[in-house]
């Protein structure tokens, strides 16, 4: 079986109770971890090129920080440029990398 190599990913998160001390801590930690591997796109949205090895590291680090009963993190993996199209509505002046560099 041919191995699949992720070359682009979107990550979205929602950390519960961000106004408590524990929640603030988790939000900051999750943000910092995501920023190591992907580009910050908007609020709790990250995207960018990522290798399969780095995707595993990212998931592992996040699992150590989040509360799996309260928090939500999703990673959408785009496997090739032929199966994805991006449409931007509104102001797109924010510096962001293009999909599939």
Protein backbone atom coordinates (compact mmCIF):
# COMPACT_ATOMS: atom_id res chain seq x y z
CA UNK A 1 0.00 0.00 0.00
CA UNK A 2 1.35 3.41 -0.97
CA UNK A 3 1.91 5.71 2.00
CA UNK A 4 0.01 8.99 2.07
CA UNK A 5 1.99 12.14 2.63
CA UNK A 6 0.11 15.14 3.99
CA UNK A 7 1.47 18.28 2.50
CA UNK A 8 -1.02 20.84 3.78
CA UNK A 9 -3.27 21.03 6.84
CA UNK A 10 -5.86 23.26 8.45
CA UNK A 11 -6.20 23.25 12.23
CA UNK A 12 -9.13 24.69 14.18
CA UNK A 13 -9.52 24.70 17.94
CA UNK A 14 -11.97 25.70 20.63
CA UNK A 15 -10.58 25.57 24.15
CA UNK A 16 -13.30 25.50 26.81
CA UNK A 17 -13.55 27.99 29.64
CA UNK A 18 -10.82 30.30 28.39
CA UNK A 19 -11.74 32.83 31.09
CA UNK A 20 -10.63 30.58 33.94
CA UNK A 21 -6.98 30.32 34.90
CA UNK A 22 -6.79 26.72 33.66
CA UNK A 23 -8.52 27.66 30.39
CA UNK A 24 -6.22 30.63 29.77
CA UNK A 25 -3.23 28.37 30.31
CA UNK A 26 -4.52 25.79 27.81
CA UNK A 27 -5.40 28.41 25.18
CA UNK A 28 -1.92 29.94 25.37
CA UNK A 29 -0.21 26.54 25.26
CA UNK A 30 -2.31 25.31 22.31
CA UNK A 31 -1.63 28.53 20.39
CA UNK A 32 2.12 28.26 21.00
CA UNK A 33 2.23 24.60 19.91
CA UNK A 34 0.23 25.29 16.73
CA UNK A 35 2.46 28.24 15.85
CA UNK A 36 5.51 25.93 15.92
CA UNK A 37 4.14 23.83 13.07
CA UNK A 38 1.64 25.97 11.09
CA UNK A 39 1.00 29.60 10.16
CA UNK A 40 -1.54 31.51 12.24
CA UNK A 41 -4.37 32.43 9.90
CA UNK A 42 -7.17 33.84 12.05
CA UNK A 43 -8.07 33.63 15.76
CA UNK A 44 -8.04 29.87 16.45
CA UNK A 45 -7.29 28.87 12.85
CA UNK A 46 -3.92 27.71 11.57
CA UNK A 47 -2.85 26.35 8.20
CA UNK A 48 0.24 25.45 6.27
CA UNK A 49 2.58 22.87 4.85
CA UNK A 50 3.42 20.09 7.26
CA UNK A 51 5.23 16.79 6.97
CA UNK A 52 3.66 13.58 8.28
CA UNK A 53 6.31 13.44 11.03
CA UNK A 54 5.56 16.99 12.16
CA UNK A 55 1.83 16.32 12.06
CA UNK A 56 2.35 13.42 14.49
CA UNK A 57 4.48 15.65 16.76
CA UNK A 58 1.83 18.38 16.65
CA UNK A 59 -0.96 15.95 17.59
CA UNK A 60 1.13 14.40 20.36
CA UNK A 61 1.98 17.79 21.90
CA UNK A 62 -1.63 18.96 21.73
CA UNK A 63 -2.93 15.78 23.40
CA UNK A 64 -0.64 16.48 26.36
CA UNK A 65 -2.15 19.97 26.86
CA UNK A 66 -5.85 19.83 26.03
CA UNK A 67 -8.63 18.53 28.23
CA UNK A 68 -10.21 15.91 25.95
CA UNK A 69 -13.52 16.18 27.83
CA UNK A 70 -13.81 19.95 27.33
CA UNK A 71 -11.67 21.07 24.40
CA UNK A 72 -11.97 20.59 20.65
CA UNK A 73 -9.16 20.45 18.08
CA UNK A 74 -9.57 19.32 14.50
CA UNK A 75 -6.89 18.89 11.84
CA UNK A 76 -8.01 18.71 8.23
CA UNK A 77 -5.36 17.14 6.02
CA UNK A 78 -5.23 18.01 2.34
CA UNK A 79 -3.53 15.18 0.50
CA UNK A 80 -3.03 16.80 -2.91
CA UNK A 81 -3.59 20.09 -4.69
CA UNK A 82 -5.98 18.54 -7.22
CA UNK A 83 -8.67 17.98 -4.60
CA UNK A 84 -8.79 21.43 -3.01
CA UNK A 85 -9.84 24.91 -4.00
CA UNK A 86 -9.89 28.05 -1.85
CA UNK A 87 -12.35 30.90 -2.26
CA UNK A 88 -11.69 34.09 -0.31
CA UNK A 89 -14.50 36.55 0.36
CA UNK A 90 -13.74 40.00 1.70
CA UNK A 91 -10.43 41.61 2.59
CA UNK A 92 -7.52 39.26 1.96
CA UNK A 93 -4.71 41.69 2.79
CA UNK A 94 -3.46 39.65 5.74
CA UNK A 95 -0.14 38.09 4.85
CA UNK A 96 -0.78 34.40 4.49
CA UNK A 97 0.94 31.70 2.52
CA UNK A 98 -0.78 30.47 -0.58
CA UNK A 99 -2.03 26.93 -0.69
CA UNK A 100 0.35 24.42 -2.23
CA UNK A 101 3.50 26.44 -2.57
